[in-house]
Amino acid sequence: MSIDPRKAAIVGCGFVGASIAFRFLQQGLFSHMVLLDADQAKAEGEAMDLSDGLPYGAAMEITAGGYDDAADCALIVITAGANQKPGETRLDLIGRNISILRSILEEITARDFQGILLIVSNPVDVLTYAAWKLSGYPRERVIGSGTVLDTGRLKQLLGEELGVDSRNIHAFIAGEHGDSELAVWSEANVSGLALEDFCRIRGRALGLADMDRLYREVRDSAYEIIRRKGVTCYGIAMAVGRIAACIVKDEHAVLPISVVMDGQYGLNGLALSIPSILGRQGLEEILEIPLSPEEDRALQASARQMQEAIASLDLQTRSLSLSR
């Protein structure tokens, strides 16, 4: 089946899925967007509501449909799954969400889908690896939203700390999208200026205690949002919109998406959020960024947690149709 490069599907119409759909409507990246949900009426309602805004947005068709309607999509975004509750970590969701993911992949792989799978459901790194393993698709075509959101949070907080537009901040979060993630301070800069040099020029101080505080704010941000409003949805919608733009526009941009490791940093058998080049065909290259010894130890520790989580799963492909 041929791919429609301007057609996308979103599986799961909860807060996150609906927010991503709204972001796609604003961006005008696609000419046709298909919404899928276990509750068909919910998908239909979201499609109707979004369609009401079409006269003031991009020209596109928004429909509720089934997996046959998604077979020729260039991109399928999977958001379906249980939401993180107050007090839960993302890893606590594995048991509930792996079975949901398996059922979705059974439907997708039964069709001649040739596009890219973008996993957003949590724990995203574990589920990205599971989706690759269960689907049998090339790893270039199975990616996760990773720490693109966390990286945005770091840029925003660091911009506020330094008194500069966050879009001029170049820094990233790597590892798990979760409690074991790490901030790669050794490579952070402001429009090419090392943090230390920028702070000296501006007469500002950014010590180790400040960096640790900012990191903890980034790491714990979702917990604080969930405690206050019950769910996070807008930030991740913006992050997924950025990822989708890289794919549709073939940008060859660098983003810390969740990718299946293939020896980088000495790691295999898991997915982690690592700066990678992303374009129309999906993952192009995982970048092995130089890390400080402390950062490398933190990345390896994060990887061990992901490997332990993956080891607890049954990822046999016996029930899936392995169309490629």
Protein backbone atom coordinates (compact mmCIF):
# COMPACT_ATOMS: atom_id res chain seq x y z
CA MET A 1 0.00 0.00 0.00
CA SER A 2 1.31 3.45 -0.87
CA ILE A 3 1.76 6.11 1.79
CA ASP A 4 -0.14 9.38 1.80
CA PRO A 5 2.59 11.75 3.04
CA ARG A 6 0.04 14.24 4.37
CA LYS A 7 -2.18 11.81 6.26
CA ALA A 8 -1.84 11.02 9.96
CA ALA A 9 -3.76 9.00 12.52
CA ILE A 10 -3.99 9.38 16.28
CA VAL A 11 -4.86 6.28 18.30
CA GLY A 12 -6.39 7.34 21.60
CA CYS A 13 -8.62 10.39 22.01
CA GLY A 14 -8.09 11.19 25.66
CA PHE A 15 -6.63 14.48 26.88
CA VAL A 16 -3.25 13.85 25.23
CA GLY A 17 -4.59 12.52 21.93
CA ALA A 18 -7.14 15.31 21.58
CA SER A 19 -4.53 17.96 22.42
CA ILE A 20 -2.18 16.54 19.77
CA ALA A 21 -5.02 16.56 17.24
CA PHE A 22 -5.67 20.22 18.04
CA ARG A 23 -1.97 20.99 17.59
CA PHE A 24 -1.94 19.22 14.21
CA LEU A 25 -4.94 21.29 13.17
CA GLN A 26 -3.08 24.47 14.08
CA GLN A 27 0.09 23.44 12.26
CA GLY A 28 -1.53 22.54 8.97
CA LEU A 29 0.94 19.71 8.41
CA PHE A 30 -1.62 17.21 7.20
CA SER A 31 -4.48 17.23 4.72
CA HIS A 32 -6.28 14.34 6.45
CA MET A 33 -6.28 13.35 10.12
CA VAL A 34 -7.97 10.17 11.35
CA LEU A 35 -8.93 9.76 15.01
CA LEU A 36 -9.26 6.29 16.54
CA ASP A 37 -10.44 5.33 19.98
CA ALA A 38 -11.88 2.27 21.74
CA ASP A 39 -14.90 4.53 22.32
CA GLN A 40 -15.97 5.28 18.75
CA ALA A 41 -18.43 7.96 19.89
CA LYS A 42 -15.58 9.77 21.66
CA ALA A 43 -13.50 9.79 18.47
CA GLU A 44 -16.49 11.03 16.48
CA GLY A 45 -17.16 13.80 18.98
CA GLU A 46 -13.55 14.97 18.92
CA ALA A 47 -13.55 14.95 15.10
CA MET A 48 -16.74 17.00 15.03
CA ASP A 49 -15.45 19.49 17.59
CA LEU A 50 -12.13 19.94 15.81
CA SER A 51 -13.84 20.28 12.43
CA ASP A 52 -15.79 23.26 13.77
CA GLY A 53 -12.50 25.16 13.82
CA LEU A 54 -11.52 24.41 10.23
CA PRO A 55 -12.81 27.74 8.84
CA TYR A 56 -10.24 29.45 11.07
CA GLY A 57 -7.40 26.97 10.64
CA ALA A 58 -5.68 24.91 7.98
CA ALA A 59 -7.56 23.17 5.19
CA MET A 60 -7.82 19.51 6.13
CA GLU A 61 -10.23 16.63 6.59
CA ILE A 62 -10.75 15.35 10.13
CA THR A 63 -12.57 12.04 10.52
CA ALA A 64 -13.16 9.34 13.10
CA GLY A 65 -12.33 5.94 11.65
CA GLY A 66 -10.84 2.50 12.07
CA TYR A 67 -7.53 0.86 11.40
CA ASP A 68 -8.31 0.36 7.71
CA ASP A 69 -8.51 4.16 7.44
CA ALA A 70 -5.06 4.50 9.02
CA ALA A 71 -3.27 1.93 6.85
CA ASP A 72 -1.97 4.47 4.31
CA CYS A 73 -0.93 7.11 6.85
CA ALA A 74 2.59 8.50 6.85
CA LEU A 75 2.39 8.74 10.65
CA ILE A 76 0.43 6.92 13.33
CA VAL A 77 0.64 8.47 16.80
CA ILE A 78 -0.20 6.11 19.67
CA THR A 79 -1.40 7.84 22.82
CA ALA A 80 -3.85 5.19 24.07
CA GLY A 81 -3.28 3.85 27.56
CA ALA A 82 -3.79 4.48 31.23
CA ASN A 83 -2.92 7.94 32.52
CA GLN A 84 -0.36 8.52 35.24
CA LYS A 85 -2.13 9.13 38.55
CA PRO A 86 -0.90 11.26 41.45
CA GLY A 87 1.89 9.37 43.22
CA GLU A 88 2.56 7.02 40.30
CA THR A 89 5.76 6.89 38.27
CA ARG A 90 5.63 6.35 34.53
CA LEU A 91 7.06 2.86 35.03
CA ASP A 92 4.04 1.99 37.18
CA LEU A 93 1.96 2.07 33.98
CA ILE A 94 3.77 -0.80 32.23
CA GLY A 95 1.36 -3.59 33.14
CA ARG A 96 -1.72 -1.70 32.03
CA ASN A 97 -0.30 -0.18 28.88
CA ILE A 98 1.66 -3.06 27.36
CA SER A 99 -1.52 -5.06 26.79
CA ILE A 100 -3.21 -2.03 25.21
CA LEU A 101 -0.20 -1.49 22.96
CA ARG A 102 -0.19 -5.14 21.91
CA SER A 103 -3.85 -4.99 20.88
CA ILE A 104 -3.22 -1.83 18.84
CA LEU A 105 -0.21 -3.32 17.10
CA GLU A 106 -2.18 -6.44 16.20
CA GLU A 107 -4.51 -4.19 14.21
CA ILE A 108 -1.79 -2.08 12.61
CA THR A 109 0.47 -4.96 11.58
CA ALA A 110 -2.47 -6.84 10.08
CA ARG A 111 -2.52 -4.12 7.42
CA ASP A 112 0.20 -3.10 4.99
CA PHE A 113 1.23 -0.06 7.02
CA GLN A 114 4.46 1.46 5.67
CA GLY A 115 4.61 4.68 7.66
CA ILE A 116 6.16 5.70 10.97
CA LEU A 117 4.91 4.70 14.42
CA LEU A 118 5.28 7.43 17.05
CA ILE A 119 4.73 6.16 20.59
CA VAL A 120 3.59 8.73 23.13
CA SER A 121 1.98 6.48 25.76
CA ASN A 122 4.00 6.00 28.95
CA PRO A 123 6.41 4.62 29.92
CA VAL A 124 7.43 5.80 26.46
CA ASP A 125 10.93 4.32 26.28
CA VAL A 126 9.80 0.85 27.34
CA LEU A 127 6.77 0.97 25.05
CA THR A 128 8.85 2.21 22.12
CA TYR A 129 11.12 -0.83 22.46
CA ALA A 130 8.08 -3.09 22.86
CA ALA A 131 6.43 -1.60 19.76
CA TRP A 132 9.59 -2.22 17.72
CA LYS A 133 9.95 -5.76 19.02
CA LEU A 134 6.29 -6.70 18.62
CA SER A 135 5.69 -5.05 15.26
CA GLY A 136 8.77 -6.32 13.47
CA TYR A 137 9.12 -2.96 11.74
CA PRO A 138 12.59 -1.50 11.09
CA ARG A 139 13.79 0.54 14.04
CA GLU A 140 13.92 3.64 11.83
CA ARG A 141 10.12 3.53 11.65
CA VAL A 142 9.40 3.06 15.38
CA ILE A 143 10.21 6.03 17.58
CA GLY A 144 8.92 7.55 20.80
CA SER A 145 8.31 11.13 21.91
CA GLY A 146 11.14 10.55 24.40
CA THR A 147 12.46 13.55 26.30
CA VAL A 148 11.47 16.17 23.73
CA LEU A 149 8.99 17.49 26.33
CA ASP A 150 11.53 17.33 29.18
CA THR A 151 14.05 19.14 27.00
CA GLY A 152 11.50 21.89 26.37
CA ARG A 153 10.95 22.18 30.11
CA LEU A 154 14.71 22.51 30.68
CA LYS A 155 15.04 25.18 27.99
CA GLN A 156 12.16 27.17 29.44
CA LEU A 157 13.43 27.04 33.02
CA LEU A 158 17.01 27.77 32.00
CA GLY A 159 15.85 30.69 29.84
CA GLU A 160 13.99 32.14 32.82
CA GLU A 161 17.03 31.62 35.04
CA LEU A 162 19.38 33.36 32.60
CA GLY A 163 17.01 36.05 31.40
CA VAL A 164 17.13 34.97 27.75
CA ASP A 165 14.64 33.64 25.19
CA SER A 166 14.31 29.88 25.74
CA ARG A 167 14.56 29.37 21.96
CA ASN A 168 18.20 30.45 22.21
CA ILE A 169 18.94 27.73 24.77
CA HIS A 170 20.56 24.57 23.39
CA ALA A 171 20.40 21.86 26.02
CA PHE A 172 18.75 18.49 26.35
CA ILE A 173 17.53 15.79 28.70
CA ALA A 174 18.59 12.21 27.89
CA GLY A 175 17.94 8.69 29.18
CA GLU A 176 14.54 7.64 30.47
CA HIS A 177 11.58 9.94 30.07
CA GLY A 178 11.11 9.58 33.80
CA ASP A 179 12.79 9.59 37.17
CA SER A 180 16.23 8.37 35.98
CA GLU A 181 16.62 10.96 33.21
CA LEU A 182 19.68 13.20 33.16
CA ALA A 183 20.45 16.75 32.09
CA VAL A 184 23.51 16.91 29.83
CA TRP A 185 24.98 20.13 31.20
CA SER A 186 28.38 19.54 29.60
CA GLU A 187 26.93 20.27 26.14
CA ALA A 188 24.52 23.09 27.09
CA ASN A 189 25.00 26.49 25.49
CA VAL A 190 23.24 29.73 24.63
CA SER A 191 23.37 30.32 20.87
CA GLY A 192 26.79 28.67 20.75
CA LEU A 193 28.17 30.30 23.89
CA ALA A 194 29.04 27.85 26.65
CA LEU A 195 26.90 28.38 29.75
CA GLU A 196 29.93 29.45 31.78
CA ASP A 197 30.92 32.06 29.20
CA PHE A 198 27.38 33.36 28.81
CA CYS A 199 26.95 33.72 32.56
CA ARG A 200 30.26 35.57 32.82
CA ILE A 201 29.29 38.01 30.05
CA ARG A 202 25.89 38.62 31.61
CA GLY A 203 27.23 38.86 35.14
CA ARG A 204 25.12 35.93 36.31
CA ALA A 205 26.04 32.90 38.37
CA LEU A 206 24.87 29.35 37.65
CA GLY A 207 26.45 26.97 40.12
CA LEU A 208 26.09 23.24 40.65
CA ALA A 209 23.32 23.78 43.19
CA ASP A 210 21.39 25.85 40.63
CA MET A 211 21.82 23.19 37.96
CA ASP A 212 20.63 20.49 40.34
CA ARG A 213 17.59 22.56 41.29
CA LEU A 214 16.66 23.14 37.64
CA TYR A 215 17.14 19.45 36.83
CA ARG A 216 14.88 18.41 39.69
CA GLU A 217 12.22 20.89 38.59
CA VAL A 218 12.30 19.39 35.10
CA ARG A 219 12.25 15.80 36.37
CA ASP A 220 9.39 16.42 38.78
CA SER A 221 7.37 18.76 36.56
CA ALA A 222 4.82 16.14 35.49
CA TYR A 223 4.17 15.17 39.12
CA GLU A 224 3.48 18.78 40.03
CA ILE A 225 1.15 19.31 37.06
CA ILE A 226 -0.73 16.05 37.71
CA ARG A 227 -1.09 16.94 41.38
CA ARG A 228 -2.70 20.23 40.43
CA LYS A 229 -4.83 19.40 37.36
CA GLY A 230 -4.78 15.61 37.06
CA VAL A 231 -3.11 15.29 33.66
CA THR A 232 -0.42 16.76 31.41
CA CYS A 233 -1.45 17.36 27.80
CA TYR A 234 -0.51 20.71 26.27
CA GLY A 235 3.26 20.47 26.61
CA ILE A 236 3.38 16.97 25.12
CA ALA A 237 1.08 18.11 22.29
CA MET A 238 3.57 20.84 21.39
CA ALA A 239 6.44 18.36 21.57
CA VAL A 240 4.67 15.85 19.31
CA GLY A 241 3.83 18.66 16.90
CA ARG A 242 7.53 19.44 16.68
CA ILE A 243 8.38 15.80 15.98
CA ALA A 244 5.67 15.57 13.31
CA ALA A 245 6.98 18.70 11.59
CA CYS A 246 10.45 17.16 11.39
CA ILE A 247 8.98 14.13 9.64
CA VAL A 248 6.56 15.86 7.26
CA LYS A 249 9.04 18.59 6.26
CA ASP A 250 11.99 16.19 6.12
CA GLU A 251 13.94 18.59 8.33
CA HIS A 252 16.81 16.29 9.36
CA ALA A 253 16.49 17.99 12.74
CA VAL A 254 18.07 16.84 15.99
CA LEU A 255 15.64 15.91 18.77
CA PRO A 256 16.00 13.68 21.86
CA ILE A 257 13.42 11.13 20.71
CA SER A 258 13.15 7.62 22.12
CA VAL A 259 15.02 5.24 19.82
CA VAL A 260 16.02 1.58 19.83
CA MET A 261 19.72 1.49 20.66
CA ASP A 262 22.12 -0.30 18.33
CA GLY A 263 25.44 -0.20 20.17
CA GLN A 264 25.56 3.54 20.84
CA TYR A 265 27.04 4.23 24.30
CA GLY A 266 27.61 0.46 24.46
CA LEU A 267 23.86 -0.17 24.74
CA ASN A 268 21.59 -2.71 23.06
CA GLY A 269 18.25 -4.34 23.82
CA LEU A 270 16.38 -1.22 24.90
CA ALA A 271 15.13 2.17 23.79
CA LEU A 272 16.32 5.40 25.34
CA SER A 273 15.80 9.09 24.68
CA ILE A 274 18.92 10.25 22.85
CA PRO A 275 19.54 13.21 20.48
CA SER A 276 18.89 11.80 17.01
CA ILE A 277 18.48 13.06 13.46
CA LEU A 278 14.87 12.81 12.28
CA GLY A 279 13.42 13.16 8.78
CA ARG A 280 10.74 11.89 6.41
CA GLN A 281 11.88 8.27 6.68
CA GLY A 282 11.98 8.44 10.48
CA LEU A 283 15.16 7.89 12.46
CA GLU A 284 18.26 8.70 10.41
CA GLU A 285 21.03 8.54 12.98
CA ILE A 286 21.48 8.29 16.73
CA LEU A 287 24.09 10.82 17.81
CA GLU A 288 26.68 9.61 20.29
CA ILE A 289 27.17 12.92 22.08
CA PRO A 290 30.31 13.23 24.25
CA LEU A 291 29.31 12.97 27.91
CA SER A 292 31.17 13.81 31.07
CA PRO A 293 32.08 10.78 33.24
CA GLU A 294 29.25 11.65 35.65
CA GLU A 295 26.74 11.98 32.80
CA ASP A 296 27.84 8.68 31.28
CA ARG A 297 27.36 6.92 34.62
CA ALA A 298 23.88 8.46 34.92
CA LEU A 299 22.98 7.33 31.39
CA GLN A 300 24.17 3.79 32.08
CA ALA A 301 22.15 3.72 35.31
CA SER A 302 19.05 4.91 33.45
CA ALA A 303 19.65 2.22 30.82
CA ARG A 304 19.82 -0.48 33.49
CA GLN A 305 16.41 0.57 34.80
CA MET A 306 14.94 0.35 31.29
CA GLN A 307 16.51 -3.07 30.71
CA GLU A 308 15.08 -4.36 33.99
CA ALA A 309 11.63 -3.09 33.01
CA ILE A 310 11.87 -4.66 29.55
CA ALA A 311 13.05 -7.98 31.02
CA SER A 312 9.78 -8.23 32.95
CA LEU A 313 7.71 -8.16 29.74
CA ASP A 314 6.59 -10.92 27.41
CA LEU A 315 7.49 -9.53 24.00
CA GLN A 316 6.96 -12.64 21.93
CA THR A 317 5.56 -11.83 18.49
CA ARG A 318 3.47 -14.95 18.12
CA SER A 319 0.14 -13.11 18.02
CA LEU A 320 1.15 -10.35 15.62
CA SER A 321 1.20 -10.25 11.85
CA LEU A 322 4.75 -9.18 11.05
CA SER A 323 4.11 -7.23 7.88
CA ARG A 324 6.97 -4.90 7.09
